[in-house]
Amino acid sequence: MTLSTASSVDMSHVRLLSEAVHRHDVDELTWVVSGSCTIDADGRSWRIDEQTALVIPAGLEHRVVPRPDSIVFPILFPDGLTSELSLVRRSPSLEACARVLLQPGLTTPAALDAARLAASELIGTKGALRRLNVPVDPRAEHVAQAILAAPASPTGLDEWGRRVHASGRTLQRCFVRETGLTFAQWRTAARLADACERIDQGQSVATVATAVGYRSSSAFIAAFRRHYGVTPGRRAS
């Protein structure tokens, strides 16, 4: 059969909605395969892309606004995921779980159950994936996403301001107003959350300290203890 580039088929109704409101009976992990989307939930806006995902507790109404060229899926967890609405940073381990959960026809029931359990553990307390509010203001959001991608970057607030055409004071106000943390506090939280992932993967404390921007292991250990109440060694054990 020969396919023609011209078609008499009416495609005017073959389209996606520009936005949709949902409420699920089970916990959801919103997963972007390509592009990005904005989710409005619990009085806040969350931008989700190919590096992040959003945990949405069961019963919480949320509005999904995808970019026109995006592909977005809800990954549902009937046995529960977490009661906390939170942004998580996608790690290789979580990506592996999502690939299985998004393609149930190419796997087995046992593998699906294992992927759900592993994803729950990664997103739960032990996994400690990044749970950070990301600023909504596009300038501050750009800075936040850059830090999530490269937590060791030493770039300061004023330099970030020059890059996004805003004053450092303006960016500071955005972080405080939209995340509840100062820029410095937010960056520290991002670095330490990234450190948790690396520690859980078996990386040494010295390697992790350098990877997330600390000049010495002792400074990293002190910051980790202040933030989490335990040392990196205790967490790894």
C-alpha atoms as a PDB file:
ATOM      1  CA  MET A   1       0.000   0.000   0.000  1.00  0.00           C
ATOM      2  CA  THR A   2       1.301   3.456  -0.911  1.00  0.00           C
ATOM      3  CA  LEU A   3       0.887   6.293   1.565  1.00  0.00           C
ATOM      4  CA  SER A   4       0.201   9.712   0.141  1.00  0.00           C
ATOM      5  CA  THR A   5       1.416  12.921   1.712  1.00  0.00           C
ATOM      6  CA  ALA A   6      -1.946  14.468   0.874  1.00  0.00           C
ATOM      7  CA  SER A   7      -4.955  13.207   2.796  1.00  0.00           C
ATOM      8  CA  SER A   8      -8.683  13.768   2.726  1.00  0.00           C
ATOM      9  CA  VAL A   9      -8.958  12.695   6.361  1.00  0.00           C
ATOM     10  CA  ASP A  10     -10.273  15.456   8.593  1.00  0.00           C
ATOM     11  CA  MET A  11      -7.547  16.121  11.196  1.00  0.00           C
ATOM     12  CA  SER A  12      -9.102  19.243  12.689  1.00  0.00           C
ATOM     13  CA  HIS A  13     -10.189  17.396  15.837  1.00  0.00           C
ATOM     14  CA  VAL A  14      -6.972  15.410  16.247  1.00  0.00           C
ATOM     15  CA  ARG A  15      -5.383  17.590  18.867  1.00  0.00           C
ATOM     16  CA  LEU A  16      -4.445  17.842  22.507  1.00  0.00           C
ATOM     17  CA  LEU A  17      -5.951  20.217  25.019  1.00  0.00           C
ATOM     18  CA  SER A  18      -3.867  23.245  25.910  1.00  0.00           C
ATOM     19  CA  GLU A  19      -4.541  22.477  29.594  1.00  0.00           C
ATOM     20  CA  ALA A  20      -6.462  20.005  31.729  1.00  0.00           C
ATOM     21  CA  VAL A  21      -7.531  19.635  35.367  1.00  0.00           C
ATOM     22  CA  HIS A  22      -7.138  16.246  37.047  1.00  0.00           C
ATOM     23  CA  ARG A  23      -7.649  14.577  40.402  1.00  0.00           C
ATOM     24  CA  HIS A  24      -6.516  10.970  40.887  1.00  0.00           C
ATOM     25  CA  ASP A  25      -7.503   8.429  43.516  1.00  0.00           C
ATOM     26  CA  VAL A  26      -3.877   7.294  43.848  1.00  0.00           C
ATOM     27  CA  ASP A  27      -0.505   9.021  44.098  1.00  0.00           C
ATOM     28  CA  GLU A  28       1.005  10.280  40.851  1.00  0.00           C
ATOM     29  CA  LEU A  29       4.480  10.985  39.553  1.00  0.00           C
ATOM     30  CA  THR A  30       4.154  13.417  36.645  1.00  0.00           C
ATOM     31  CA  TRP A  31       6.792  12.494  34.070  1.00  0.00           C
ATOM     32  CA  VAL A  32       7.849  14.551  31.050  1.00  0.00           C
ATOM     33  CA  VAL A  33       9.188  12.428  28.193  1.00  0.00           C
ATOM     34  CA  SER A  34      10.032  15.498  26.114  1.00  0.00           C
ATOM     35  CA  GLY A  35       9.528  19.242  26.476  1.00  0.00           C
ATOM     36  CA  SER A  36       8.127  20.708  29.666  1.00  0.00           C
ATOM     37  CA  CYS A  37       4.885  21.564  31.413  1.00  0.00           C
ATOM     38  CA  THR A  38       3.566  23.687  34.234  1.00  0.00           C
ATOM     39  CA  ILE A  39       1.428  22.178  36.979  1.00  0.00           C
ATOM     40  CA  ASP A  40      -0.687  24.335  39.263  1.00  0.00           C
ATOM     41  CA  ALA A  41      -1.459  22.602  42.556  1.00  0.00           C
ATOM     42  CA  ASP A  42      -2.031  23.619  46.144  1.00  0.00           C
ATOM     43  CA  GLY A  43      -1.729  27.322  45.323  1.00  0.00           C
ATOM     44  CA  ARG A  44       1.654  27.002  43.585  1.00  0.00           C
ATOM     45  CA  SER A  45       3.010  26.575  40.071  1.00  0.00           C
ATOM     46  CA  TRP A  46       5.604  23.917  39.334  1.00  0.00           C
ATOM     47  CA  ARG A  47       7.623  23.690  36.117  1.00  0.00           C
ATOM     48  CA  ILE A  48       8.454  20.113  35.160  1.00  0.00           C
ATOM     49  CA  ASP A  49      10.948  19.184  32.454  1.00  0.00           C
ATOM     50  CA  GLU A  50      13.209  16.333  31.369  1.00  0.00           C
ATOM     51  CA  GLN A  51      15.356  16.694  34.502  1.00  0.00           C
ATOM     52  CA  THR A  52      12.552  16.876  37.069  1.00  0.00           C
ATOM     53  CA  ALA A  53       9.283  15.186  38.017  1.00  0.00           C
ATOM     54  CA  LEU A  54       6.458  16.109  40.380  1.00  0.00           C
ATOM     55  CA  VAL A  55       4.963  13.931  43.104  1.00  0.00           C
ATOM     56  CA  ILE A  56       1.222  14.638  43.454  1.00  0.00           C
ATOM     57  CA  PRO A  57      -0.590  13.011  46.391  1.00  0.00           C
ATOM     58  CA  ALA A  58      -3.872  11.196  45.827  1.00  0.00           C
ATOM     59  CA  GLY A  59      -6.961  13.395  45.775  1.00  0.00           C
ATOM     60  CA  LEU A  60      -5.144  16.662  45.075  1.00  0.00           C
ATOM     61  CA  GLU A  61      -6.650  18.610  42.184  1.00  0.00           C
ATOM     62  CA  HIS A  62      -4.052  19.931  39.767  1.00  0.00           C
ATOM     63  CA  ARG A  63      -3.992  21.771  36.453  1.00  0.00           C
ATOM     64  CA  VAL A  64      -1.572  20.593  33.769  1.00  0.00           C
ATOM     65  CA  VAL A  65      -0.404  23.099  31.137  1.00  0.00           C
ATOM     66  CA  PRO A  66       2.042  21.440  28.723  1.00  0.00           C
ATOM     67  CA  ARG A  67       4.201  23.192  26.196  1.00  0.00           C
ATOM     68  CA  PRO A  68       2.635  22.484  22.779  1.00  0.00           C
ATOM     69  CA  ASP A  69       5.394  20.098  21.657  1.00  0.00           C
ATOM     70  CA  SER A  70       5.647  18.225  24.952  1.00  0.00           C
ATOM     71  CA  ILE A  71       4.845  14.627  25.869  1.00  0.00           C
ATOM     72  CA  VAL A  72       3.716  14.233  29.492  1.00  0.00           C
ATOM     73  CA  PHE A  73       2.582  11.105  31.321  1.00  0.00           C
ATOM     74  CA  PRO A  74       1.151  10.445  34.794  1.00  0.00           C
ATOM     75  CA  ILE A  75       2.796   7.445  36.438  1.00  0.00           C
ATOM     76  CA  LEU A  76       0.315   6.139  39.013  1.00  0.00           C
ATOM     77  CA  PHE A  77       1.160   4.354  42.265  1.00  0.00           C
ATOM     78  CA  PRO A  78      -1.870   2.439  43.632  1.00  0.00           C
ATOM     79  CA  ASP A  79       0.092   1.377  46.725  1.00  0.00           C
ATOM     80  CA  GLY A  80       1.120   4.943  47.542  1.00  0.00           C
ATOM     81  CA  LEU A  81       4.202   7.020  46.938  1.00  0.00           C
ATOM     82  CA  THR A  82       4.311   9.880  49.451  1.00  0.00           C
ATOM     83  CA  SER A  83       1.865  12.268  51.043  1.00  0.00           C
ATOM     84  CA  GLU A  84       4.014  15.263  50.122  1.00  0.00           C
ATOM     85  CA  LEU A  85       3.578  17.416  47.016  1.00  0.00           C
ATOM     86  CA  SER A  86       7.186  17.740  45.943  1.00  0.00           C
ATOM     87  CA  LEU A  87       9.547  18.288  43.061  1.00  0.00           C
ATOM     88  CA  VAL A  88      12.135  15.562  42.567  1.00  0.00           C
ATOM     89  CA  ARG A  89      15.260  15.516  40.470  1.00  0.00           C
ATOM     90  CA  ARG A  90      15.412  12.645  38.027  1.00  0.00           C
ATOM     91  CA  SER A  91      18.320  10.291  38.624  1.00  0.00           C
ATOM     92  CA  PRO A  92      19.497   7.385  36.438  1.00  0.00           C
ATOM     93  CA  SER A  93      17.858   4.943  38.859  1.00  0.00           C
ATOM     94  CA  LEU A  94      14.528   6.761  38.730  1.00  0.00           C
ATOM     95  CA  GLU A  95      14.781   6.977  34.932  1.00  0.00           C
ATOM     96  CA  ALA A  96      15.172   3.194  34.791  1.00  0.00           C
ATOM     97  CA  CYS A  97      12.023   2.739  36.875  1.00  0.00           C
ATOM     98  CA  ALA A  98      10.054   5.139  34.679  1.00  0.00           C
ATOM     99  CA  ARG A  99      11.072   3.337  31.477  1.00  0.00           C
ATOM    100  CA  VAL A 100       9.540   0.140  32.854  1.00  0.00           C
ATOM    101  CA  LEU A 101       6.414   1.785  34.263  1.00  0.00           C
ATOM    102  CA  LEU A 102       5.705   3.686  31.045  1.00  0.00           C
ATOM    103  CA  GLN A 103       5.948   0.533  28.907  1.00  0.00           C
ATOM    104  CA  PRO A 104       3.921  -2.143  30.728  1.00  0.00           C
ATOM    105  CA  GLY A 105       3.409  -4.097  27.501  1.00  0.00           C
ATOM    106  CA  LEU A 106       7.142  -4.666  27.210  1.00  0.00           C
ATOM    107  CA  THR A 107       7.737  -6.006  30.686  1.00  0.00           C
ATOM    108  CA  THR A 108       6.338  -8.434  33.257  1.00  0.00           C
ATOM    109  CA  PRO A 109       4.035  -7.925  36.245  1.00  0.00           C
ATOM    110  CA  ALA A 110       6.911  -8.750  38.575  1.00  0.00           C
ATOM    111  CA  ALA A 111       9.123  -6.122  36.936  1.00  0.00           C
ATOM    112  CA  LEU A 112       6.337  -3.536  37.188  1.00  0.00           C
ATOM    113  CA  ASP A 113       5.936  -4.232  40.904  1.00  0.00           C
ATOM    114  CA  ALA A 114       9.696  -3.996  41.395  1.00  0.00           C
ATOM    115  CA  ALA A 115       9.869  -0.698  39.493  1.00  0.00           C
ATOM    116  CA  ARG A 116       7.074   0.833  41.585  1.00  0.00           C
ATOM    117  CA  LEU A 117       8.737  -0.287  44.805  1.00  0.00           C
ATOM    118  CA  ALA A 118      12.151   1.007  43.735  1.00  0.00           C
ATOM    119  CA  ALA A 119      10.708   4.353  42.645  1.00  0.00           C
ATOM    120  CA  SER A 120       8.909   4.687  45.987  1.00  0.00           C
ATOM    121  CA  GLU A 121      12.137   4.034  47.855  1.00  0.00           C
ATOM    122  CA  LEU A 122      14.087   6.496  45.705  1.00  0.00           C
ATOM    123  CA  ILE A 123      11.530   9.231  46.274  1.00  0.00           C
ATOM    124  CA  GLY A 124      11.027   8.393  49.935  1.00  0.00           C
ATOM    125  CA  THR A 125      13.160   9.316  52.929  1.00  0.00           C
ATOM    126  CA  LYS A 126      16.019   6.962  52.079  1.00  0.00           C
ATOM    127  CA  GLY A 127      16.319   8.158  48.503  1.00  0.00           C
ATOM    128  CA  ALA A 128      16.052  11.805  49.517  1.00  0.00           C
ATOM    129  CA  LEU A 129      15.699  13.030  45.963  1.00  0.00           C
ATOM    130  CA  ARG A 130      15.633  16.745  45.580  1.00  0.00           C
ATOM    131  CA  ARG A 131      12.505  18.186  47.218  1.00  0.00           C
ATOM    132  CA  LEU A 132      12.804  21.863  46.504  1.00  0.00           C
ATOM    133  CA  ASN A 133      10.324  24.475  45.483  1.00  0.00           C
ATOM    134  CA  VAL A 134      11.567  26.046  42.257  1.00  0.00           C
ATOM    135  CA  PRO A 135      10.876  29.760  41.785  1.00  0.00           C
ATOM    136  CA  VAL A 136       8.121  30.674  39.362  1.00  0.00           C
ATOM    137  CA  ASP A 137       9.718  33.932  38.240  1.00  0.00           C
ATOM    138  CA  PRO A 138      11.417  32.992  34.929  1.00  0.00           C
ATOM    139  CA  ARG A 139      14.720  34.655  35.876  1.00  0.00           C
ATOM    140  CA  ALA A 140      14.985  32.943  39.244  1.00  0.00           C
ATOM    141  CA  GLU A 141      13.659  29.699  37.739  1.00  0.00           C
ATOM    142  CA  HIS A 142      16.465  29.788  35.171  1.00  0.00           C
ATOM    143  CA  VAL A 143      19.012  30.171  37.973  1.00  0.00           C
ATOM    144  CA  ALA A 144      17.462  27.347  39.996  1.00  0.00           C
ATOM    145  CA  GLN A 145      17.445  24.947  37.060  1.00  0.00           C
ATOM    146  CA  ALA A 146      21.088  25.777  36.303  1.00  0.00           C
ATOM    147  CA  ILE A 147      22.034  24.975  39.900  1.00  0.00           C
ATOM    148  CA  LEU A 148      20.117  21.695  39.793  1.00  0.00           C
ATOM    149  CA  ALA A 149      22.052  20.765  36.661  1.00  0.00           C
ATOM    150  CA  ALA A 150      25.440  21.825  38.080  1.00  0.00           C
ATOM    151  CA  PRO A 151      25.283  22.091  41.896  1.00  0.00           C
ATOM    152  CA  ALA A 152      29.039  22.647  42.216  1.00  0.00           C
ATOM    153  CA  SER A 153      28.915  25.907  40.280  1.00  0.00           C
ATOM    154  CA  PRO A 154      30.468  28.712  42.369  1.00  0.00           C
ATOM    155  CA  THR A 155      28.505  31.428  40.556  1.00  0.00           C
ATOM    156  CA  GLY A 156      27.241  34.004  43.037  1.00  0.00           C
ATOM    157  CA  LEU A 157      23.938  35.829  43.184  1.00  0.00           C
ATOM    158  CA  ASP A 158      25.169  39.054  41.568  1.00  0.00           C
ATOM    159  CA  GLU A 159      26.742  37.183  38.665  1.00  0.00           C
ATOM    160  CA  TRP A 160      23.564  35.189  38.170  1.00  0.00           C
ATOM    161  CA  GLY A 161      21.714  38.491  38.149  1.00  0.00           C
ATOM    162  CA  ARG A 162      23.881  39.797  35.330  1.00  0.00           C
ATOM    163  CA  ARG A 163      23.284  36.636  33.331  1.00  0.00           C
ATOM    164  CA  VAL A 164      19.485  36.818  33.621  1.00  0.00           C
ATOM    165  CA  HIS A 165      19.269  40.619  33.469  1.00  0.00           C
ATOM    166  CA  ALA A 166      18.102  41.179  37.021  1.00  0.00           C
ATOM    167  CA  SER A 167      19.738  42.558  40.120  1.00  0.00           C
ATOM    168  CA  GLY A 168      20.988  40.188  42.785  1.00  0.00           C
ATOM    169  CA  ARG A 169      18.532  41.789  45.187  1.00  0.00           C
ATOM    170  CA  THR A 170      15.632  41.029  42.837  1.00  0.00           C
ATOM    171  CA  LEU A 171      16.667  37.389  42.553  1.00  0.00           C
ATOM    172  CA  GLN A 172      17.000  37.148  46.315  1.00  0.00           C
ATOM    173  CA  ARG A 173      13.456  38.430  46.766  1.00  0.00           C
ATOM    174  CA  CYS A 174      12.188  35.887  44.244  1.00  0.00           C
ATOM    175  CA  PHE A 175      13.832  32.975  46.050  1.00  0.00           C
ATOM    176  CA  VAL A 176      12.577  34.059  49.467  1.00  0.00           C
ATOM    177  CA  ARG A 177       9.051  34.817  48.254  1.00  0.00           C
ATOM    178  CA  GLU A 178       8.613  31.739  46.076  1.00  0.00           C
ATOM    179  CA  THR A 179      10.621  29.050  47.887  1.00  0.00           C
ATOM    180  CA  GLY A 180      10.794  30.252  51.488  1.00  0.00           C
ATOM    181  CA  LEU A 181      14.605  30.088  51.328  1.00  0.00           C
ATOM    182  CA  THR A 182      17.301  32.613  50.558  1.00  0.00           C
ATOM    183  CA  PHE A 183      19.409  31.963  47.480  1.00  0.00           C
ATOM    184  CA  ALA A 184      22.267  30.648  49.619  1.00  0.00           C
ATOM    185  CA  GLN A 185      19.961  28.362  51.612  1.00  0.00           C
ATOM    186  CA  TRP A 186      18.326  27.058  48.442  1.00  0.00           C
ATOM    187  CA  ARG A 187      21.665  26.341  46.781  1.00  0.00           C
ATOM    188  CA  THR A 188      22.898  24.520  49.880  1.00  0.00           C
ATOM    189  CA  ALA A 189      19.744  22.395  49.951  1.00  0.00           C
ATOM    190  CA  ALA A 190      20.179  21.589  46.259  1.00  0.00           C
ATOM    191  CA  ARG A 191      23.806  20.617  46.751  1.00  0.00           C
ATOM    192  CA  LEU A 192      23.085  18.390  49.729  1.00  0.00           C
ATOM    193  CA  ALA A 193      20.146  16.671  48.035  1.00  0.00           C
ATOM    194  CA  ASP A 194      22.422  15.895  45.095  1.00  0.00           C
ATOM    195  CA  ALA A 195      24.985  14.634  47.590  1.00  0.00           C
ATOM    196  CA  CYS A 196      22.415  12.208  49.031  1.00  0.00           C
ATOM    197  CA  GLU A 197      21.888  10.658  45.618  1.00  0.00           C
ATOM    198  CA  ARG A 198      25.626  10.239  45.119  1.00  0.00           C
ATOM    199  CA  ILE A 199      26.125   8.724  48.566  1.00  0.00           C
ATOM    200  CA  ASP A 200      23.280   6.274  47.938  1.00  0.00           C
ATOM    201  CA  GLN A 201      25.074   5.283  44.720  1.00  0.00           C
ATOM    202  CA  GLY A 202      28.164   4.385  46.762  1.00  0.00           C
ATOM    203  CA  GLN A 203      30.416   7.354  45.983  1.00  0.00           C
ATOM    204  CA  SER A 204      32.983   8.297  48.608  1.00  0.00           C
ATOM    205  CA  VAL A 205      32.527  11.331  50.846  1.00  0.00           C
ATOM    206  CA  ALA A 206      35.562  13.038  49.317  1.00  0.00           C
ATOM    207  CA  THR A 207      34.263  12.502  45.787  1.00  0.00           C
ATOM    208  CA  VAL A 208      30.801  13.737  46.690  1.00  0.00           C
ATOM    209  CA  ALA A 209      32.126  16.816  48.494  1.00  0.00           C
ATOM    210  CA  THR A 210      33.998  17.929  45.378  1.00  0.00           C
ATOM    211  CA  ALA A 211      31.120  17.057  43.040  1.00  0.00           C
ATOM    212  CA  VAL A 212      28.655  19.286  44.898  1.00  0.00           C
ATOM    213  CA  GLY A 213      30.937  22.270  45.371  1.00  0.00           C
ATOM    214  CA  TYR A 214      32.669  21.922  48.744  1.00  0.00           C
ATOM    215  CA  ARG A 215      36.373  22.690  49.032  1.00  0.00           C
ATOM    216  CA  SER A 216      36.986  20.104  51.743  1.00  0.00           C
ATOM    217  CA  SER A 217      35.403  16.955  53.069  1.00  0.00           C
ATOM    218  CA  SER A 218      35.206  18.444  56.565  1.00  0.00           C
ATOM    219  CA  ALA A 219      33.185  21.436  55.351  1.00  0.00           C
ATOM    220  CA  PHE A 220      30.854  19.111  53.468  1.00  0.00           C
ATOM    221  CA  ILE A 221      30.396  16.792  56.462  1.00  0.00           C
ATOM    222  CA  ALA A 222      29.601  19.743  58.733  1.00  0.00           C
ATOM    223  CA  ALA A 223      27.026  21.139  56.284  1.00  0.00           C
ATOM    224  CA  PHE A 224      25.470  17.706  55.792  1.00  0.00           C
ATOM    225  CA  ARG A 225      25.140  17.168  59.555  1.00  0.00           C
ATOM    226  CA  ARG A 226      23.543  20.599  60.060  1.00  0.00           C
ATOM    227  CA  HIS A 227      21.011  19.941  57.306  1.00  0.00           C
ATOM    228  CA  TYR A 228      20.107  16.281  57.906  1.00  0.00           C
ATOM    229  CA  GLY A 229      21.125  15.677  61.508  1.00  0.00           C
ATOM    230  CA  VAL A 230      23.459  12.810  60.582  1.00  0.00           C
ATOM    231  CA  THR A 231      26.853  12.541  58.936  1.00  0.00           C
ATOM    232  CA  PRO A 232      27.210  11.287  55.338  1.00  0.00           C
ATOM    233  CA  GLY A 233      28.828   8.129  56.731  1.00  0.00           C
ATOM    234  CA  ARG A 234      25.811   7.384  58.919  1.00  0.00           C
ATOM    235  CA  ARG A 235      23.495   7.875  55.971  1.00  0.00           C
ATOM    236  CA  ALA A 236      25.507   5.465  53.832  1.00  0.00           C
ATOM    237  CA  SER A 237      25.477   2.768  56.495  1.00  0.00           C
END
